[in-house]
Amino acid sequence: MDALRIALLVLHVGGMAVLLGGFGLELMGGTRRFSPVIFHMVGIQLLTGLLLVGVNEADDRDLDHTKVAVKLLIAFVVTGLVHATRKRDPLPPALFYGAFALAASNAVIAYAWT
């Protein structure tokens, strides 16, 4: 079970790096749209996060359920924003920056909330 947890953790952390990198590339390119990288990575982040919680619960590890709930809520909002407005062109800047800020805040919460 430990190998599965570590593999999921690597996928989850790597996925967050790719997701934030996708947002960064869109900012540098000046297009401000939800690229296929962003579109797919929000789903992978949500899935690997849920699987990590499930594996940790099955292994009887202590979890901060409030932190999990906050991160899950943010992940659902980001996923919903990206999937609902993916084909919209032009994308309102506030929507793009809002999704980016929420995704970045989810990474900060994961690191800072102990």
C-alpha atoms as a PDB file:
ATOM      1  CA  MET A   1       0.000   0.000   0.000  1.00  0.00           C
ATOM      2  CA  ASP A   2       2.923   2.299   0.669  1.00  0.00           C
ATOM      3  CA  ALA A   3       4.201   2.006  -2.909  1.00  0.00           C
ATOM      4  CA  LEU A   4       0.763   2.965  -4.238  1.00  0.00           C
ATOM      5  CA  ARG A   5       0.605   5.964  -1.902  1.00  0.00           C
ATOM      6  CA  ILE A   6       4.041   7.160  -3.003  1.00  0.00           C
ATOM      7  CA  ALA A   7       3.207   6.679  -6.694  1.00  0.00           C
ATOM      8  CA  LEU A   8      -0.022   8.656  -6.277  1.00  0.00           C
ATOM      9  CA  LEU A   9       1.819  11.363  -4.360  1.00  0.00           C
ATOM     10  CA  VAL A  10       4.413  11.705  -7.141  1.00  0.00           C
ATOM     11  CA  LEU A  11       1.638  11.919  -9.755  1.00  0.00           C
ATOM     12  CA  HIS A  12      -0.261  14.461  -7.656  1.00  0.00           C
ATOM     13  CA  VAL A  13       2.709  16.744  -6.990  1.00  0.00           C
ATOM     14  CA  GLY A  14       3.954  16.425 -10.568  1.00  0.00           C
ATOM     15  CA  GLY A  15       0.448  17.138 -11.830  1.00  0.00           C
ATOM     16  CA  MET A  16       0.279  20.325  -9.788  1.00  0.00           C
ATOM     17  CA  ALA A  17       3.599  21.447 -11.249  1.00  0.00           C
ATOM     18  CA  VAL A  18       2.347  20.785 -14.783  1.00  0.00           C
ATOM     19  CA  LEU A  19      -0.976  22.528 -14.049  1.00  0.00           C
ATOM     20  CA  LEU A  20       0.672  25.669 -12.690  1.00  0.00           C
ATOM     21  CA  GLY A  21       3.182  25.529 -15.545  1.00  0.00           C
ATOM     22  CA  GLY A  22       0.281  25.393 -18.011  1.00  0.00           C
ATOM     23  CA  PHE A  23      -1.201  28.507 -16.464  1.00  0.00           C
ATOM     24  CA  GLY A  24       2.233  30.163 -16.584  1.00  0.00           C
ATOM     25  CA  LEU A  25       2.679  29.346 -20.264  1.00  0.00           C
ATOM     26  CA  GLU A  26      -0.716  30.834 -21.078  1.00  0.00           C
ATOM     27  CA  LEU A  27       0.217  33.982 -19.159  1.00  0.00           C
ATOM     28  CA  MET A  28       3.545  34.280 -20.972  1.00  0.00           C
ATOM     29  CA  GLY A  29       1.896  33.693 -24.339  1.00  0.00           C
ATOM     30  CA  GLY A  30      -0.729  36.317 -23.610  1.00  0.00           C
ATOM     31  CA  THR A  31      -3.620  34.087 -24.716  1.00  0.00           C
ATOM     32  CA  ARG A  32      -5.296  33.539 -21.323  1.00  0.00           C
ATOM     33  CA  ARG A  33      -7.301  30.479 -22.269  1.00  0.00           C
ATOM     34  CA  PHE A  34      -7.706  27.035 -20.762  1.00  0.00           C
ATOM     35  CA  SER A  35      -5.346  24.939 -22.872  1.00  0.00           C
ATOM     36  CA  PRO A  36      -5.663  21.147 -23.182  1.00  0.00           C
ATOM     37  CA  VAL A  37      -2.867  20.819 -20.604  1.00  0.00           C
ATOM     38  CA  ILE A  38      -4.877  22.785 -18.038  1.00  0.00           C
ATOM     39  CA  PHE A  39      -8.092  21.006 -19.020  1.00  0.00           C
ATOM     40  CA  HIS A  40      -6.648  17.531 -18.452  1.00  0.00           C
ATOM     41  CA  MET A  41      -4.504  18.337 -15.431  1.00  0.00           C
ATOM     42  CA  VAL A  42      -7.383  19.666 -13.317  1.00  0.00           C
ATOM     43  CA  GLY A  43      -9.075  16.293 -13.700  1.00  0.00           C
ATOM     44  CA  ILE A  44      -5.893  14.387 -12.913  1.00  0.00           C
ATOM     45  CA  GLN A  45      -5.334  16.550  -9.830  1.00  0.00           C
ATOM     46  CA  LEU A  46      -8.840  15.880  -8.593  1.00  0.00           C
ATOM     47  CA  LEU A  47      -8.588  12.136  -9.245  1.00  0.00           C
ATOM     48  CA  THR A  48      -5.150  11.640  -7.685  1.00  0.00           C
ATOM     49  CA  GLY A  49      -6.148  13.747  -4.681  1.00  0.00           C
ATOM     50  CA  LEU A  50      -9.243  11.640  -4.074  1.00  0.00           C
ATOM     51  CA  LEU A  51      -7.248   8.431  -4.512  1.00  0.00           C
ATOM     52  CA  LEU A  52      -4.614   9.676  -2.060  1.00  0.00           C
ATOM     53  CA  VAL A  53      -7.275  10.339   0.556  1.00  0.00           C
ATOM     54  CA  GLY A  54      -8.764   6.895  -0.035  1.00  0.00           C
ATOM     55  CA  VAL A  55      -5.404   5.125   0.244  1.00  0.00           C
ATOM     56  CA  ASN A  56      -4.503   7.054   3.401  1.00  0.00           C
ATOM     57  CA  GLU A  57      -7.881   6.275   4.972  1.00  0.00           C
ATOM     58  CA  ALA A  58      -7.569   2.582   4.076  1.00  0.00           C
ATOM     59  CA  ASP A  59      -4.115   2.575   5.672  1.00  0.00           C
ATOM     60  CA  ASP A  60      -5.519   4.147   8.896  1.00  0.00           C
ATOM     61  CA  ARG A  61      -3.339   7.234   8.597  1.00  0.00           C
ATOM     62  CA  ASP A  62      -4.350  10.382  10.441  1.00  0.00           C
ATOM     63  CA  LEU A  63      -5.788  12.990   8.085  1.00  0.00           C
ATOM     64  CA  ASP A  64      -6.826  16.570   8.695  1.00  0.00           C
ATOM     65  CA  HIS A  65     -10.341  16.268   7.312  1.00  0.00           C
ATOM     66  CA  THR A  66     -10.890  20.023   7.367  1.00  0.00           C
ATOM     67  CA  LYS A  67      -7.847  20.525   5.138  1.00  0.00           C
ATOM     68  CA  VAL A  68      -9.027  17.750   2.820  1.00  0.00           C
ATOM     69  CA  ALA A  69     -12.494  19.337   2.594  1.00  0.00           C
ATOM     70  CA  VAL A  70     -11.104  22.807   1.833  1.00  0.00           C
ATOM     71  CA  LYS A  71      -8.743  21.456  -0.833  1.00  0.00           C
ATOM     72  CA  LEU A  72     -11.508  19.316  -2.351  1.00  0.00           C
ATOM     73  CA  LEU A  73     -13.875  22.290  -2.524  1.00  0.00           C
ATOM     74  CA  ILE A  74     -11.228  24.412  -4.252  1.00  0.00           C
ATOM     75  CA  ALA A  75     -10.410  21.560  -6.649  1.00  0.00           C
ATOM     76  CA  PHE A  76     -14.097  21.153  -7.552  1.00  0.00           C
ATOM     77  CA  VAL A  77     -14.442  24.887  -8.216  1.00  0.00           C
ATOM     78  CA  VAL A  78     -11.323  25.020 -10.419  1.00  0.00           C
ATOM     79  CA  THR A  79     -12.376  21.880 -12.306  1.00  0.00           C
ATOM     80  CA  GLY A  80     -15.870  23.271 -12.810  1.00  0.00           C
ATOM     81  CA  LEU A  81     -14.581  26.622 -14.059  1.00  0.00           C
ATOM     82  CA  VAL A  82     -12.169  25.021 -16.503  1.00  0.00           C
ATOM     83  CA  HIS A  83     -14.609  22.439 -17.856  1.00  0.00           C
ATOM     84  CA  ALA A  84     -17.575  24.818 -18.110  1.00  0.00           C
ATOM     85  CA  THR A  85     -15.708  27.533 -20.003  1.00  0.00           C
ATOM     86  CA  ARG A  86     -13.040  25.626 -21.936  1.00  0.00           C
ATOM     87  CA  LYS A  87     -14.449  26.431 -25.394  1.00  0.00           C
ATOM     88  CA  ARG A  88     -15.285  30.028 -24.562  1.00  0.00           C
ATOM     89  CA  ASP A  89     -13.261  32.465 -26.590  1.00  0.00           C
ATOM     90  CA  PRO A  90     -12.347  35.062 -25.533  1.00  0.00           C
ATOM     91  CA  LEU A  91     -12.155  33.998 -21.904  1.00  0.00           C
ATOM     92  CA  PRO A  92     -12.816  36.825 -19.432  1.00  0.00           C
ATOM     93  CA  PRO A  93      -9.523  37.693 -17.723  1.00  0.00           C
ATOM     94  CA  ALA A  94     -11.126  37.553 -14.270  1.00  0.00           C
ATOM     95  CA  LEU A  95     -12.171  33.952 -14.877  1.00  0.00           C
ATOM     96  CA  PHE A  96      -8.704  32.894 -16.002  1.00  0.00           C
ATOM     97  CA  TYR A  97      -6.927  34.691 -13.166  1.00  0.00           C
ATOM     98  CA  GLY A  98      -9.476  33.417 -10.649  1.00  0.00           C
ATOM     99  CA  ALA A  99      -8.934  29.794 -11.668  1.00  0.00           C
ATOM    100  CA  PHE A 100      -5.171  30.337 -11.611  1.00  0.00           C
ATOM    101  CA  ALA A 101      -5.312  31.924  -8.142  1.00  0.00           C
ATOM    102  CA  LEU A 102      -7.456  29.084  -6.799  1.00  0.00           C
ATOM    103  CA  ALA A 103      -5.127  26.424  -8.235  1.00  0.00           C
ATOM    104  CA  ALA A 104      -2.090  28.201  -6.795  1.00  0.00           C
ATOM    105  CA  SER A 105      -3.806  28.626  -3.424  1.00  0.00           C
ATOM    106  CA  ASN A 106      -4.518  24.891  -3.361  1.00  0.00           C
ATOM    107  CA  ALA A 107      -0.783  24.255  -3.722  1.00  0.00           C
ATOM    108  CA  VAL A 108      -0.014  26.757  -0.953  1.00  0.00           C
ATOM    109  CA  ILE A 109      -2.604  25.153   1.334  1.00  0.00           C
ATOM    110  CA  ALA A 110      -1.073  21.723   0.724  1.00  0.00           C
ATOM    111  CA  TYR A 111       2.337  23.019   1.727  1.00  0.00           C
ATOM    112  CA  ALA A 112       1.539  25.500   4.488  1.00  0.00           C
ATOM    113  CA  TRP A 113      -1.404  23.953   6.344  1.00  0.00           C
ATOM    114  CA  THR A 114       0.083  21.595   8.921  1.00  0.00           C
END
